[in-house]
N, C-alpha and C. Protein backbone atom coordinates (compact mmCIF):
# COMPACT_ATOMS: atom_id res chain seq x y z
N MET A 1 94.73 -12.86 -45.49
CA MET A 1 93.42 -13.45 -45.37
C MET A 1 92.40 -12.56 -46.04
N THR A 2 91.39 -13.21 -46.52
CA THR A 2 90.33 -12.43 -47.14
C THR A 2 89.34 -12.00 -46.08
N ARG A 3 88.51 -11.11 -46.47
CA ARG A 3 87.51 -10.59 -45.55
C ARG A 3 86.51 -11.68 -45.15
N VAL A 4 86.16 -12.58 -46.08
CA VAL A 4 85.20 -13.65 -45.80
C VAL A 4 85.79 -14.63 -44.79
N ALA A 5 87.05 -15.01 -44.95
CA ALA A 5 87.69 -15.94 -44.03
C ALA A 5 87.77 -15.33 -42.63
N LEU A 6 88.02 -14.06 -42.56
CA LEU A 6 88.10 -13.38 -41.28
C LEU A 6 86.75 -13.39 -40.58
N ARG A 7 85.68 -13.18 -41.33
CA ARG A 7 84.34 -13.21 -40.74
C ARG A 7 84.00 -14.60 -40.21
N GLY A 8 84.34 -15.62 -40.97
CA GLY A 8 84.07 -16.99 -40.53
C GLY A 8 84.80 -17.33 -39.25
N ARG A 9 86.05 -16.92 -39.18
CA ARG A 9 86.84 -17.18 -37.99
C ARG A 9 86.30 -16.39 -36.80
N SER A 10 85.89 -15.15 -37.04
CA SER A 10 85.32 -14.33 -35.97
C SER A 10 84.03 -14.93 -35.45
N ALA A 11 83.22 -15.45 -36.35
CA ALA A 11 81.96 -16.07 -35.93
C ALA A 11 82.24 -17.31 -35.09
N GLY A 12 83.25 -18.08 -35.47
CA GLY A 12 83.61 -19.27 -34.70
C GLY A 12 84.09 -18.92 -33.31
N VAL A 13 84.92 -17.90 -33.21
CA VAL A 13 85.42 -17.45 -31.92
C VAL A 13 84.27 -16.93 -31.06
N LEU A 14 83.37 -16.19 -31.68
CA LEU A 14 82.21 -15.67 -30.95
C LEU A 14 81.33 -16.80 -30.44
N LEU A 15 81.11 -17.81 -31.26
CA LEU A 15 80.30 -18.96 -30.85
C LEU A 15 80.96 -19.70 -29.70
N MET A 16 82.24 -19.94 -29.77
CA MET A 16 82.95 -20.64 -28.70
C MET A 16 82.91 -19.85 -27.40
N THR A 17 83.04 -18.54 -27.50
CA THR A 17 82.98 -17.69 -26.32
C THR A 17 81.59 -17.73 -25.69
N ALA A 18 80.56 -17.66 -26.53
CA ALA A 18 79.19 -17.71 -26.03
C ALA A 18 78.91 -19.03 -25.33
N LEU A 19 79.37 -20.13 -25.91
CA LEU A 19 79.16 -21.43 -25.29
C LEU A 19 79.92 -21.56 -23.97
N ALA A 20 81.12 -21.01 -23.92
CA ALA A 20 81.91 -21.08 -22.70
C ALA A 20 81.27 -20.26 -21.58
N LEU A 21 80.74 -19.11 -21.92
CA LEU A 21 80.13 -18.25 -20.91
C LEU A 21 78.72 -18.67 -20.54
N GLY A 22 77.98 -19.16 -21.52
CA GLY A 22 76.57 -19.47 -21.29
C GLY A 22 76.29 -20.92 -20.99
N GLY A 23 77.28 -21.75 -20.92
CA GLY A 23 77.05 -23.16 -20.68
C GLY A 23 77.10 -23.93 -21.97
N SER A 24 76.70 -25.16 -21.90
CA SER A 24 76.82 -26.04 -23.06
C SER A 24 75.66 -25.90 -24.03
N GLY A 25 74.68 -25.12 -23.71
CA GLY A 25 73.52 -24.99 -24.58
C GLY A 25 72.45 -26.02 -24.26
N VAL A 26 72.72 -26.91 -23.31
CA VAL A 26 71.76 -27.92 -22.91
C VAL A 26 70.91 -27.33 -21.79
N PRO A 27 69.60 -27.43 -21.90
CA PRO A 27 68.74 -26.88 -20.85
C PRO A 27 69.01 -27.55 -19.50
N VAL A 28 68.79 -26.81 -18.44
CA VAL A 28 69.03 -27.33 -17.10
C VAL A 28 68.17 -28.54 -16.82
N TRP A 29 66.91 -28.53 -17.28
CA TRP A 29 66.03 -29.67 -17.03
C TRP A 29 66.55 -30.93 -17.72
N ALA A 30 67.21 -30.80 -18.85
CA ALA A 30 67.77 -31.98 -19.53
C ALA A 30 68.92 -32.56 -18.72
N GLN A 31 69.71 -31.70 -18.09
CA GLN A 31 70.79 -32.19 -17.25
C GLN A 31 70.22 -32.90 -16.03
N ALA A 32 69.14 -32.38 -15.47
CA ALA A 32 68.51 -33.02 -14.33
C ALA A 32 67.97 -34.39 -14.72
N ASP A 33 67.39 -34.50 -15.92
CA ASP A 33 66.89 -35.79 -16.39
C ASP A 33 68.03 -36.78 -16.56
N ALA A 34 69.17 -36.32 -17.03
CA ALA A 34 70.33 -37.21 -17.19
C ALA A 34 70.79 -37.73 -15.84
N VAL A 35 70.75 -36.89 -14.83
CA VAL A 35 71.13 -37.31 -13.48
C VAL A 35 70.11 -38.32 -12.96
N ARG A 36 68.84 -38.08 -13.19
CA ARG A 36 67.80 -39.03 -12.76
C ARG A 36 67.97 -40.38 -13.44
N LEU A 37 68.24 -40.37 -14.74
CA LEU A 37 68.46 -41.62 -15.47
C LEU A 37 69.64 -42.39 -14.89
N SER A 38 70.72 -41.69 -14.67
CA SER A 38 71.93 -42.32 -14.13
C SER A 38 71.67 -42.92 -12.75
N THR A 39 70.96 -42.17 -11.91
CA THR A 39 70.65 -42.65 -10.57
C THR A 39 69.76 -43.88 -10.63
N ALA A 40 68.74 -43.85 -11.47
CA ALA A 40 67.83 -44.99 -11.59
C ALA A 40 68.56 -46.23 -12.07
N LYS A 41 69.43 -46.08 -13.06
CA LYS A 41 70.19 -47.24 -13.56
C LYS A 41 71.14 -47.77 -12.50
N THR A 42 71.78 -46.88 -11.78
CA THR A 42 72.71 -47.31 -10.73
C THR A 42 71.98 -48.10 -9.66
N LEU A 43 70.82 -47.62 -9.24
CA LEU A 43 70.05 -48.34 -8.23
C LEU A 43 69.65 -49.72 -8.73
N PHE A 44 69.25 -49.82 -9.99
CA PHE A 44 68.86 -51.11 -10.54
C PHE A 44 70.03 -52.09 -10.52
N PHE A 45 71.18 -51.66 -11.01
CA PHE A 45 72.33 -52.56 -11.08
C PHE A 45 72.96 -52.83 -9.72
N ASP A 46 72.62 -52.02 -8.72
CA ASP A 46 73.02 -52.30 -7.34
C ASP A 46 72.01 -53.21 -6.64
N ARG A 47 71.02 -53.66 -7.40
CA ARG A 47 69.96 -54.56 -6.93
C ARG A 47 69.10 -53.94 -5.83
N LYS A 48 68.94 -52.65 -5.88
CA LYS A 48 68.04 -51.94 -4.97
C LYS A 48 66.76 -51.68 -5.76
N TYR A 49 66.01 -52.75 -5.99
CA TYR A 49 64.91 -52.71 -6.94
C TYR A 49 63.76 -51.79 -6.52
N ALA A 50 63.42 -51.75 -5.24
CA ALA A 50 62.32 -50.89 -4.80
C ALA A 50 62.67 -49.41 -5.02
N GLU A 51 63.89 -49.05 -4.67
CA GLU A 51 64.32 -47.66 -4.87
C GLU A 51 64.46 -47.35 -6.35
N ALA A 52 64.95 -48.32 -7.11
CA ALA A 52 65.10 -48.12 -8.56
C ALA A 52 63.74 -47.91 -9.21
N ARG A 53 62.75 -48.69 -8.77
CA ARG A 53 61.40 -48.55 -9.34
C ARG A 53 60.86 -47.14 -9.09
N GLN A 54 61.05 -46.62 -7.89
CA GLN A 54 60.60 -45.26 -7.59
C GLN A 54 61.33 -44.24 -8.45
N ALA A 55 62.62 -44.44 -8.62
CA ALA A 55 63.41 -43.51 -9.44
C ALA A 55 62.95 -43.56 -10.90
N TRP A 56 62.70 -44.77 -11.43
CA TRP A 56 62.24 -44.90 -12.81
C TRP A 56 60.85 -44.31 -12.99
N GLU A 57 59.99 -44.44 -11.98
CA GLU A 57 58.66 -43.84 -12.09
C GLU A 57 58.75 -42.32 -12.14
N ALA A 58 59.70 -41.74 -11.40
CA ALA A 58 59.91 -40.29 -11.46
C ALA A 58 60.41 -39.87 -12.84
N VAL A 59 61.30 -40.68 -13.43
CA VAL A 59 61.79 -40.39 -14.78
C VAL A 59 60.65 -40.49 -15.77
N ARG A 60 59.83 -41.53 -15.62
CA ARG A 60 58.71 -41.73 -16.55
C ARG A 60 57.71 -40.58 -16.45
N ALA A 61 57.49 -40.06 -15.25
CA ALA A 61 56.53 -38.96 -15.07
C ALA A 61 56.98 -37.70 -15.80
N SER A 62 58.28 -37.49 -15.90
CA SER A 62 58.77 -36.28 -16.57
C SER A 62 59.05 -36.50 -18.05
N ALA A 63 59.01 -37.75 -18.50
CA ALA A 63 59.30 -38.06 -19.91
C ALA A 63 58.07 -37.78 -20.78
N LYS A 64 58.34 -37.48 -22.04
CA LYS A 64 57.26 -37.18 -22.98
C LYS A 64 57.45 -38.00 -24.24
N GLY A 65 56.35 -38.46 -24.81
CA GLY A 65 56.39 -39.14 -26.10
C GLY A 65 57.16 -40.44 -26.06
N VAL A 66 58.05 -40.60 -27.01
CA VAL A 66 58.82 -41.84 -27.16
C VAL A 66 59.76 -42.04 -25.97
N GLU A 67 60.20 -40.96 -25.36
CA GLU A 67 61.11 -41.05 -24.22
C GLU A 67 60.48 -41.76 -23.03
N ALA A 68 59.17 -41.89 -23.01
CA ALA A 68 58.48 -42.54 -21.89
C ALA A 68 58.50 -44.06 -22.00
N GLU A 69 58.92 -44.61 -23.14
CA GLU A 69 58.91 -46.06 -23.31
C GLU A 69 60.01 -46.75 -22.51
N ALA A 70 61.20 -46.22 -22.50
CA ALA A 70 62.31 -46.86 -21.79
C ALA A 70 62.07 -46.91 -20.28
N PRO A 71 61.63 -45.83 -19.64
CA PRO A 71 61.35 -45.92 -18.21
C PRO A 71 60.27 -46.96 -17.89
N THR A 72 59.28 -47.11 -18.76
CA THR A 72 58.24 -48.11 -18.54
C THR A 72 58.85 -49.51 -18.53
N TYR A 73 59.77 -49.76 -19.44
CA TYR A 73 60.48 -51.04 -19.50
C TYR A 73 61.25 -51.29 -18.20
N TRP A 74 61.97 -50.28 -17.73
CA TRP A 74 62.78 -50.46 -16.53
C TRP A 74 61.92 -50.62 -15.28
N VAL A 75 60.77 -49.95 -15.23
CA VAL A 75 59.85 -50.13 -14.09
C VAL A 75 59.41 -51.59 -14.04
N ALA A 76 59.10 -52.16 -15.20
CA ALA A 76 58.68 -53.56 -15.25
C ALA A 76 59.82 -54.48 -14.81
N ARG A 77 61.04 -54.17 -15.16
CA ARG A 77 62.18 -55.01 -14.75
C ARG A 77 62.42 -54.94 -13.25
N CYS A 78 62.04 -53.85 -12.63
CA CYS A 78 62.23 -53.70 -11.19
C CYS A 78 61.14 -54.40 -10.39
N SER A 79 60.09 -54.82 -11.05
CA SER A 79 58.94 -55.42 -10.35
C SER A 79 59.17 -56.89 -10.06
C-alpha cells in the first residue's frame, strides 16, 4: 500500500470510531423533535385529535422557518 492509501484508510477508521463513541452526529434537540413529530402523527392517526393538536402546537413552537409550515397544516387538520 502506498502512504496516501494508508492515510485515507486511517482517516476513515478514525471517523467511524469518533461517530461510534460520540453518537450519530445528530444534535440531541433534533432527536427530541423527531420524537415529538412521531408522537404527534401517532396521536392524529389514532384519532385523538385534541391531544394531537396540542402535540403539533408544541412542534410548531420549536420549529423555525420552513419547518413551521407542516405543523401548521397538521394543527388545522386536527381542528
